[in-house]
Amino acid sequence: MESFLNSLEKFLTWFFALAFGALLIYGGLRYRSHVEEESDLLLQAKKQNTPEAYLAFLRNCHQCPEEKAAQRALDDLHRGMGMLARLTRDHLPERASISKPVFSPDGKTILATAGKGPDFWDAETGRRDSHGDKTFTKSGGRHQVDALDFAADGRRIGAGMPGRDGGRLMIWDLTSEALVGEREVSDADVRGVLFSPDSIWLAWRGDGPVGIWNPLMGRFLRGTHEGISSMAFLQAPNGRTYFLTVGGRELITWEPTTMEMLKEQSMDSDRPLLGLSRDGRVVGFSDGRVLELWDTATVRAFAELRDLTGDITAFCRDTASGRIVVGTQLGRVYLWDPLASPVPLGHVAAHEGPVETLACGAEGRAVSLGWDGARVWNLEKIKGQPMSGGPRKRK
């Protein structure tokens, strides 16, 4: 009996020793798997299934093997949140950027540039409607573009380009793709161009100077006021059209056909200027995560948006609805009705990095630009996105 008990004791000792060792090995493997899982951003993105998670992965994935799969998953999520299209960049070098976007009057086409000459994209599909490298050019080929605009009648486009001793303005006819006007701007680079509502005049601004050009009549007028950083044409309730410019806190109203200064008014804001809406209705000032809006008709502040995720970098106004689209440093795009609520209607995590530019167009559309490309949004669907939420169900 004693021999049996000794054998049983040895057996149990070895059994528990082996079991404890197996338990340690299993625990180590589980811990290693957990650590690897925690460090696998793509796996975490798939589990969370949110734009934020996929954007975090793509932010650290430059040409990694999983980049395309993650981008497809992100596109699927974005489409459910209001994205119409992501503008293609197949004709561009890796990570080359698209800039200076503006919608056609009907909202179906986006005019933009990748640096050399103007190009067109279908706003609903994101496909590039290339006109080739021999069209929309000047002598010597396609050149750097610093500013772009679509005429309100949809028949012409205007561009600002570098010139010999400053900038250069150019206008092309869309039907013939022929250059119909060209004008040097001495001693000033052209940073922005804007057609008048009647599509006759092309306004321009540099780093301070501002002016207006009518190529059909051969008239070129230059403003006497320096320091302009934003401009717009305003169609007033009395039927008249005014040319508005903003620099610092000064709002100036001009007679567009003569460039006579009609009125100069000061906006008493403590925040830096963000810009003037394209329709000339509102001026935005921003300090960090606060957006302050001023009405150009009354020259009074009328709405304020606070506490967004990231500092505010850009805004645009949807003219038809009066809603404001806001972009932030952390890649968020917000939709806000300043007359209805002090908080946004909805938002979407749109980009890996800062929202660099926003442009609003017809049919309730907006395009946002970041270092990771350009995305076109349906504002009605962004309106339906909650301000916070958990993982989305996979379809």
Protein backbone atom coordinates (compact mmCIF):
# COMPACT_ATOMS: atom_id res chain seq x y z
CA MET A 1 0.00 0.00 0.00
CA GLU A 2 2.84 2.39 0.91
CA SER A 3 4.48 1.74 -2.46
CA PHE A 4 1.20 2.50 -4.21
CA LEU A 5 0.78 5.76 -2.32
CA ASN A 6 4.35 6.82 -3.16
CA SER A 7 3.72 6.12 -6.84
CA LEU A 8 0.45 8.02 -6.75
CA GLU A 9 2.17 10.99 -5.06
CA LYS A 10 4.88 11.07 -7.75
CA PHE A 11 2.28 10.79 -10.50
CA LEU A 12 0.20 13.62 -9.08
CA THR A 13 3.31 15.78 -8.56
CA TRP A 14 4.37 15.33 -12.19
CA PHE A 15 0.79 15.78 -13.42
CA PHE A 16 0.30 19.10 -11.64
CA ALA A 17 3.78 20.26 -12.68
CA LEU A 18 3.02 19.52 -16.33
CA ALA A 19 -0.42 21.09 -16.06
CA PHE A 20 1.00 24.24 -14.49
CA GLY A 21 3.65 24.44 -17.22
CA ALA A 22 1.02 24.01 -19.92
CA LEU A 23 -1.02 26.72 -18.27
CA LEU A 24 1.95 29.09 -18.27
CA ILE A 25 2.64 28.38 -21.95
CA TYR A 26 -1.01 28.88 -22.86
CA GLY A 27 -1.15 32.13 -20.90
CA GLY A 28 2.01 33.36 -22.60
CA LEU A 29 0.66 32.55 -26.03
CA ARG A 30 -2.66 34.23 -25.22
CA TYR A 31 -0.85 37.33 -23.95
CA ARG A 32 1.35 37.44 -27.06
CA SER A 33 -1.73 37.08 -29.26
CA HIS A 34 -3.45 39.85 -27.33
CA VAL A 35 -0.45 42.18 -27.68
CA GLU A 36 -0.16 41.45 -31.41
CA GLU A 37 -3.89 41.97 -31.81
CA GLU A 38 -3.74 45.29 -29.96
CA SER A 39 -0.86 46.44 -32.20
CA ASP A 40 -2.60 45.31 -35.40
CA LEU A 41 -4.42 48.51 -36.42
CA LEU A 42 -6.12 46.86 -39.39
CA LEU A 43 -7.55 44.12 -37.19
CA GLN A 44 -8.73 46.77 -34.75
CA ALA A 45 -10.27 48.74 -37.62
CA LYS A 46 -12.15 45.65 -38.83
CA LYS A 47 -13.44 45.00 -35.32
CA GLN A 48 -14.56 48.61 -34.74
CA ASN A 49 -15.74 49.04 -38.35
CA THR A 50 -15.78 52.85 -38.17
CA PRO A 51 -14.25 55.52 -40.43
CA GLU A 52 -12.17 56.72 -37.49
CA ALA A 53 -10.54 53.30 -37.11
CA TYR A 54 -9.77 52.86 -40.82
CA LEU A 55 -8.46 56.43 -41.06
CA ALA A 56 -6.14 55.74 -38.11
CA PHE A 57 -4.82 52.66 -39.91
CA LEU A 58 -4.36 54.47 -43.25
CA ARG A 59 -2.60 57.35 -41.51
CA ASN A 60 0.23 54.96 -40.67
CA CYS A 61 0.03 52.84 -43.81
CA HIS A 62 1.90 54.35 -46.72
CA GLN A 63 1.94 51.83 -49.59
CA CYS A 64 1.56 48.95 -47.12
CA PRO A 65 0.07 45.66 -48.49
CA GLU A 66 -3.30 46.22 -46.79
CA GLU A 67 -3.78 49.82 -47.95
CA LYS A 68 -6.17 49.08 -50.83
CA ALA A 69 -8.34 46.75 -48.77
CA ALA A 70 -8.58 49.30 -45.97
CA GLN A 71 -9.42 52.06 -48.45
CA ARG A 72 -12.21 49.97 -49.97
CA ALA A 73 -13.66 49.31 -46.53
CA LEU A 74 -13.46 53.01 -45.69
CA ASP A 75 -15.17 53.95 -48.96
CA ASP A 76 -18.00 51.54 -48.19
CA LEU A 77 -18.52 53.14 -44.78
CA HIS A 78 -18.29 56.65 -46.20
CA ARG A 79 -20.90 55.89 -48.87
CA GLY A 80 -23.31 54.96 -46.12
CA MET A 81 -22.59 58.31 -44.49
CA GLY A 82 -23.17 60.52 -47.50
CA MET A 83 -20.09 60.22 -49.72
CA LEU A 84 -20.99 60.34 -53.40
CA ALA A 85 -17.50 59.77 -54.76
CA ARG A 86 -13.78 59.95 -54.15
CA LEU A 87 -12.04 61.82 -56.97
CA THR A 88 -9.68 59.55 -58.90
CA ARG A 89 -5.97 60.32 -58.93
CA ASP A 90 -4.79 57.54 -61.25
CA HIS A 91 -3.17 60.05 -63.61
CA LEU A 92 -1.15 61.64 -60.79
CA PRO A 93 2.05 60.63 -59.00
CA GLU A 94 1.60 58.77 -55.70
CA ARG A 95 0.02 60.99 -53.04
CA ALA A 96 -0.16 63.98 -55.43
CA SER A 97 -2.83 66.39 -54.32
CA ILE A 98 -5.88 67.91 -56.00
CA SER A 99 -6.58 71.56 -55.21
CA LYS A 100 -8.68 74.66 -56.04
CA PRO A 101 -12.01 72.81 -56.41
CA VAL A 102 -15.17 74.52 -57.66
CA PHE A 103 -18.48 73.05 -58.78
CA SER A 104 -20.14 73.64 -62.13
CA PRO A 105 -23.42 75.61 -61.82
CA ASP A 106 -25.49 72.40 -61.91
CA GLY A 107 -23.30 70.67 -59.29
CA LYS A 108 -22.51 67.73 -61.59
CA THR A 109 -18.89 68.56 -62.45
CA ILE A 110 -15.92 69.58 -60.32
CA LEU A 111 -13.25 71.81 -61.79
CA ALA A 112 -9.91 71.49 -59.99
CA THR A 113 -6.19 71.15 -60.63
CA ALA A 114 -3.38 68.82 -59.70
CA GLY A 115 -0.93 71.66 -60.24
CA LYS A 116 -0.61 71.68 -64.03
CA GLY A 117 -3.61 73.02 -65.91
CA PRO A 118 -7.31 72.64 -65.07
CA ASP A 119 -9.05 69.26 -65.01
CA PHE A 120 -12.63 68.04 -64.60
CA TRP A 121 -14.17 65.28 -62.48
CA ASP A 122 -17.67 63.83 -62.48
CA ALA A 123 -19.09 64.73 -59.05
CA GLU A 124 -21.27 61.61 -58.88
CA THR A 125 -18.70 58.98 -59.92
CA GLY A 126 -15.38 60.66 -59.12
CA ARG A 127 -14.04 59.80 -62.57
CA ARG A 128 -11.74 62.29 -64.27
CA ASP A 129 -13.09 63.77 -67.49
CA SER A 130 -9.69 64.41 -69.02
CA HIS A 131 -9.37 66.90 -71.83
CA GLY A 132 -5.82 65.79 -72.56
CA ASP A 133 -2.54 67.61 -72.27
CA LYS A 134 -3.02 69.74 -75.39
CA THR A 135 -6.20 71.52 -74.34
CA PHE A 136 -6.77 74.32 -71.83
CA THR A 137 -3.17 75.37 -72.26
CA LYS A 138 -1.10 78.41 -73.02
CA SER A 139 1.90 78.49 -75.30
CA GLY A 140 4.45 76.02 -74.02
CA GLY A 141 1.98 73.51 -72.58
CA ARG A 142 0.11 73.11 -69.33
CA HIS A 143 1.30 75.41 -66.55
CA GLN A 144 0.90 75.83 -62.83
CA VAL A 145 -2.59 76.89 -61.75
CA ASP A 146 -3.01 79.01 -58.62
CA ALA A 147 -6.76 79.76 -58.88
CA LEU A 148 -9.83 78.46 -60.75
CA ASP A 149 -13.50 79.29 -61.26
CA PHE A 150 -16.50 78.17 -63.29
CA ALA A 151 -18.62 80.84 -64.98
CA ALA A 152 -22.21 80.96 -63.73
CA ASP A 153 -23.53 80.20 -67.23
CA GLY A 154 -21.35 77.07 -67.38
CA ARG A 155 -19.75 78.11 -70.66
CA ARG A 156 -16.31 79.29 -69.56
CA ILE A 157 -13.64 78.72 -66.93
CA GLY A 158 -11.16 81.21 -65.53
CA ALA A 159 -7.72 80.61 -64.06
CA GLY A 160 -4.98 82.48 -62.26
CA MET A 161 -1.42 81.50 -63.16
CA PRO A 162 2.11 82.79 -62.63
CA GLY A 163 3.19 85.50 -65.07
CA ARG A 164 6.42 87.21 -66.03
CA ASP A 165 6.36 89.96 -63.40
CA GLY A 166 3.43 88.85 -61.28
CA GLY A 167 0.32 86.87 -62.17
CA ARG A 168 -1.68 86.04 -65.26
CA LEU A 169 -5.43 85.69 -65.85
CA MET A 170 -6.77 83.30 -68.46
CA ILE A 171 -10.27 82.41 -69.68
CA TRP A 172 -11.19 79.39 -71.83
CA ASP A 173 -14.37 78.55 -73.70
CA LEU A 174 -15.65 75.12 -72.66
CA THR A 175 -17.22 74.24 -76.00
CA SER A 176 -14.20 74.94 -78.20
CA GLU A 177 -11.60 74.63 -75.42
CA ALA A 178 -10.05 77.73 -76.95
CA LEU A 179 -8.30 80.45 -74.99
CA VAL A 180 -10.58 83.50 -75.28
CA GLY A 181 -8.74 85.93 -73.02
CA GLU A 182 -5.38 86.45 -71.35
CA ARG A 183 -4.17 89.29 -69.15
CA GLU A 184 -1.02 90.02 -67.16
CA VAL A 185 -1.37 91.25 -63.58
CA SER A 186 1.74 93.26 -62.79
CA ASP A 187 3.45 93.07 -59.41
CA ALA A 188 0.94 90.64 -57.89
CA ASP A 189 0.51 86.88 -57.95
CA VAL A 190 -3.08 85.74 -58.57
CA ARG A 191 -4.35 83.75 -55.57
CA GLY A 192 -8.05 83.70 -56.37
CA VAL A 193 -10.44 84.25 -59.28
CA LEU A 194 -14.24 84.56 -59.31
CA PHE A 195 -16.76 85.12 -62.10
CA SER A 196 -19.56 87.64 -61.63
CA PRO A 197 -23.13 86.23 -61.60
CA ASP A 198 -23.63 87.40 -65.22
CA SER A 199 -20.41 85.58 -66.24
CA ILE A 200 -19.02 88.78 -67.82
CA TRP A 201 -16.47 89.94 -65.25
CA LEU A 202 -13.64 87.93 -63.71
CA ALA A 203 -12.57 89.19 -60.29
CA TRP A 204 -9.11 88.40 -58.99
CA ARG A 205 -7.10 88.85 -55.83
CA GLY A 206 -3.46 88.53 -54.95
CA ASP A 207 -1.69 88.63 -51.62
CA GLY A 208 -3.38 91.94 -50.88
CA PRO A 209 -4.35 93.55 -54.22
CA VAL A 210 -7.74 92.99 -55.83
CA GLY A 211 -9.26 93.81 -59.21
CA ILE A 212 -11.77 92.91 -61.91
CA TRP A 213 -11.44 92.17 -65.63
CA ASN A 214 -13.86 92.19 -68.56
CA PRO A 215 -12.07 90.54 -71.51
CA LEU A 216 -14.90 91.25 -73.97
CA MET A 217 -14.76 95.00 -73.36
CA GLY A 218 -11.03 95.06 -72.68
CA ARG A 219 -11.54 96.64 -69.26
CA PHE A 220 -9.14 95.92 -66.42
CA LEU A 221 -9.81 97.66 -63.11
CA ARG A 222 -7.70 97.47 -59.99
CA GLY A 223 -8.77 98.32 -56.47
CA THR A 224 -6.87 100.84 -54.43
CA HIS A 225 -7.29 99.02 -51.13
CA GLU A 226 -4.62 96.52 -50.12
CA GLY A 227 -4.72 93.62 -47.66
CA ILE A 228 -7.61 91.67 -49.24
CA SER A 229 -7.72 87.95 -48.42
CA SER A 230 -11.25 86.92 -49.48
CA MET A 231 -13.83 88.07 -52.07
CA ALA A 232 -17.35 87.35 -53.33
CA PHE A 233 -20.15 88.73 -55.49
CA LEU A 234 -23.35 89.46 -53.60
CA GLN A 235 -26.74 89.58 -55.31
CA ALA A 236 -28.69 91.96 -53.08
CA PRO A 237 -32.48 91.91 -52.52
CA ASN A 238 -32.75 95.17 -54.51
CA GLY A 239 -31.60 93.31 -57.61
CA ARG A 240 -28.14 94.87 -57.72
CA THR A 241 -24.87 92.97 -57.68
CA TYR A 242 -22.04 94.10 -55.43
CA PHE A 243 -18.43 93.03 -55.19
CA LEU A 244 -17.40 92.31 -51.59
CA THR A 245 -13.90 91.92 -50.20
CA VAL A 246 -12.62 91.17 -46.73
CA GLY A 247 -9.20 91.77 -45.22
CA GLY A 248 -8.61 91.41 -41.50
CA ARG A 249 -11.80 92.83 -39.97
CA GLU A 250 -12.66 95.22 -42.81
CA LEU A 251 -15.61 94.47 -45.12
CA ILE A 252 -15.57 96.59 -48.29
CA THR A 253 -18.42 96.91 -50.78
CA TRP A 254 -17.46 97.83 -54.37
CA GLU A 255 -19.37 98.79 -57.49
CA PRO A 256 -18.20 95.91 -59.74
CA THR A 257 -18.29 97.73 -63.08
CA THR A 258 -16.18 100.67 -61.90
CA MET A 259 -14.37 99.33 -58.80
CA GLU A 260 -15.61 102.37 -56.92
CA MET A 261 -15.49 101.79 -53.18
CA LEU A 262 -19.05 102.24 -51.93
CA LYS A 263 -18.71 101.32 -48.29
CA GLU A 264 -16.07 100.22 -45.78
CA GLN A 265 -17.28 98.62 -42.55
CA SER A 266 -15.50 97.10 -39.58
CA MET A 267 -16.43 93.79 -37.93
CA ASP A 268 -15.56 93.87 -34.25
CA SER A 269 -14.44 90.26 -33.84
CA ASP A 270 -11.62 89.15 -31.56
CA ARG A 271 -10.95 86.08 -33.70
CA PRO A 272 -8.81 85.70 -36.85
CA LEU A 273 -10.55 85.84 -40.23
CA LEU A 274 -11.39 82.48 -41.80
CA GLY A 275 -13.03 83.76 -44.99
CA LEU A 276 -16.04 85.04 -46.90
CA SER A 277 -18.64 82.61 -48.23
CA ARG A 278 -18.75 82.29 -52.02
CA ASP A 279 -22.26 83.78 -52.17
CA GLY A 280 -21.16 86.79 -50.14
CA ARG A 281 -23.74 86.20 -47.39
CA VAL A 282 -21.54 85.47 -44.39
CA VAL A 283 -18.04 86.10 -43.07
CA GLY A 284 -16.41 83.51 -40.84
CA PHE A 285 -13.97 84.11 -38.01
CA SER A 286 -12.37 81.22 -36.16
CA ASP A 287 -10.22 80.73 -33.10
CA GLY A 288 -9.43 77.08 -32.45
CA ARG A 289 -12.66 75.09 -32.21
CA VAL A 290 -14.99 78.11 -32.40
CA LEU A 291 -16.61 79.42 -35.61
CA GLU A 292 -18.21 82.86 -35.48
CA LEU A 293 -20.45 83.97 -38.36
CA TRP A 294 -21.23 87.55 -39.39
CA ASP A 295 -24.04 88.65 -41.71
CA THR A 296 -22.68 90.89 -44.48
CA ALA A 297 -26.05 92.66 -44.83
CA THR A 298 -26.20 93.82 -41.20
CA VAL A 299 -22.47 93.52 -40.40
CA ARG A 300 -23.37 91.79 -37.15
CA ALA A 301 -22.41 88.46 -35.62
CA PHE A 302 -25.44 86.17 -35.66
CA ALA A 303 -24.29 82.62 -34.86
CA GLU A 304 -21.51 80.71 -33.15
CA LEU A 305 -20.45 77.05 -33.30
CA ARG A 306 -18.27 75.64 -30.50
CA ASP A 307 -16.34 72.62 -29.27
CA LEU A 308 -15.80 70.63 -32.47
CA THR A 309 -13.26 67.82 -32.74
CA GLY A 310 -10.14 69.68 -33.83
CA ASP A 311 -9.41 73.28 -34.73
CA ILE A 312 -11.52 74.69 -37.56
CA THR A 313 -9.67 74.97 -40.88
CA ALA A 314 -12.31 75.73 -43.56
CA PHE A 315 -15.99 76.40 -44.17
CA CYS A 316 -18.43 76.89 -47.04
CA ARG A 317 -22.10 77.85 -47.28
CA ASP A 318 -24.80 75.93 -49.12
CA THR A 319 -26.66 78.84 -50.71
CA ALA A 320 -29.97 77.06 -51.22
CA SER A 321 -30.39 75.98 -47.59
CA GLY A 322 -28.15 78.43 -45.76
CA ARG A 323 -26.41 75.52 -44.02
CA ILE A 324 -22.71 75.70 -43.22
CA VAL A 325 -20.17 72.94 -43.89
CA VAL A 326 -17.17 73.04 -41.54
CA GLY A 327 -13.83 71.21 -41.73
CA THR A 328 -11.36 70.65 -38.90
CA GLN A 329 -7.69 69.93 -38.30
CA LEU A 330 -8.52 66.34 -37.35
CA GLY A 331 -10.26 65.54 -40.63
CA ARG A 332 -13.89 65.93 -39.52
CA VAL A 333 -16.60 67.47 -41.72
CA TYR A 334 -19.61 68.96 -39.92
CA LEU A 335 -22.97 70.19 -41.19
CA TRP A 336 -24.55 73.09 -39.28
CA ASP A 337 -27.70 75.18 -39.61
CA PRO A 338 -26.72 78.45 -37.88
CA LEU A 339 -30.30 79.74 -37.78
CA ALA A 340 -31.76 76.59 -36.25
CA SER A 341 -29.34 75.26 -33.64
CA PRO A 342 -26.06 76.03 -31.85
CA VAL A 343 -24.89 72.45 -32.46
CA PRO A 344 -24.15 70.59 -35.73
CA LEU A 345 -26.80 68.58 -37.55
CA GLY A 346 -24.30 65.75 -38.10
CA HIS A 347 -20.72 64.98 -38.96
CA VAL A 348 -18.42 62.45 -40.60
CA ALA A 349 -14.77 61.52 -40.06
CA ALA A 350 -13.72 62.35 -43.62
CA HIS A 351 -9.92 62.52 -43.90
CA GLU A 352 -6.70 61.13 -42.45
CA GLY A 353 -5.42 64.65 -41.75
CA PRO A 354 -6.62 68.26 -41.82
CA VAL A 355 -9.48 69.32 -44.07
CA GLU A 356 -7.57 71.79 -46.24
CA THR A 357 -10.40 73.11 -48.42
CA LEU A 358 -14.19 72.92 -48.67
CA ALA A 359 -16.38 73.95 -51.59
CA CYS A 360 -20.19 73.87 -51.72
CA GLY A 361 -22.21 73.39 -54.90
CA ALA A 362 -25.70 72.94 -56.27
CA GLU A 363 -27.90 69.94 -55.39
CA GLY A 364 -26.77 70.05 -51.76
CA ARG A 365 -23.23 68.87 -52.48
CA ALA A 366 -19.84 69.69 -51.03
CA VAL A 367 -16.29 68.59 -51.77
CA SER A 368 -13.64 68.27 -49.07
CA LEU A 369 -9.89 68.11 -49.68
CA GLY A 370 -7.18 66.60 -47.51
CA TRP A 371 -3.74 65.14 -48.10
CA ASP A 372 -5.48 61.80 -48.74
CA GLY A 373 -7.53 63.14 -51.66
CA ALA A 374 -10.89 64.73 -52.42
CA ARG A 375 -14.32 63.42 -51.44
CA VAL A 376 -17.75 64.58 -52.62
CA TRP A 377 -20.60 64.58 -50.09
CA ASN A 378 -24.38 64.61 -50.12
CA LEU A 379 -25.23 67.04 -47.32
CA GLU A 380 -28.65 65.51 -46.68
CA LYS A 381 -27.01 62.23 -45.68
CA ILE A 382 -24.40 63.91 -43.49
CA LYS A 383 -27.32 65.57 -41.70
CA GLY A 384 -28.51 62.14 -40.64
CA GLN A 385 -25.19 61.08 -39.08
CA PRO A 386 -25.22 61.16 -35.25
CA MET A 387 -22.63 63.20 -33.39
CA SER A 388 -21.32 60.04 -31.72
CA GLY A 389 -21.82 56.36 -32.09
CA GLY A 390 -20.34 52.91 -31.94
CA PRO A 391 -19.40 50.38 -34.60
CA ARG A 392 -21.53 50.12 -37.68
CA LYS A 393 -22.92 46.78 -38.76
CA ARG A 394 -21.33 45.23 -41.81
CA LYS A 395 -23.66 44.64 -44.71
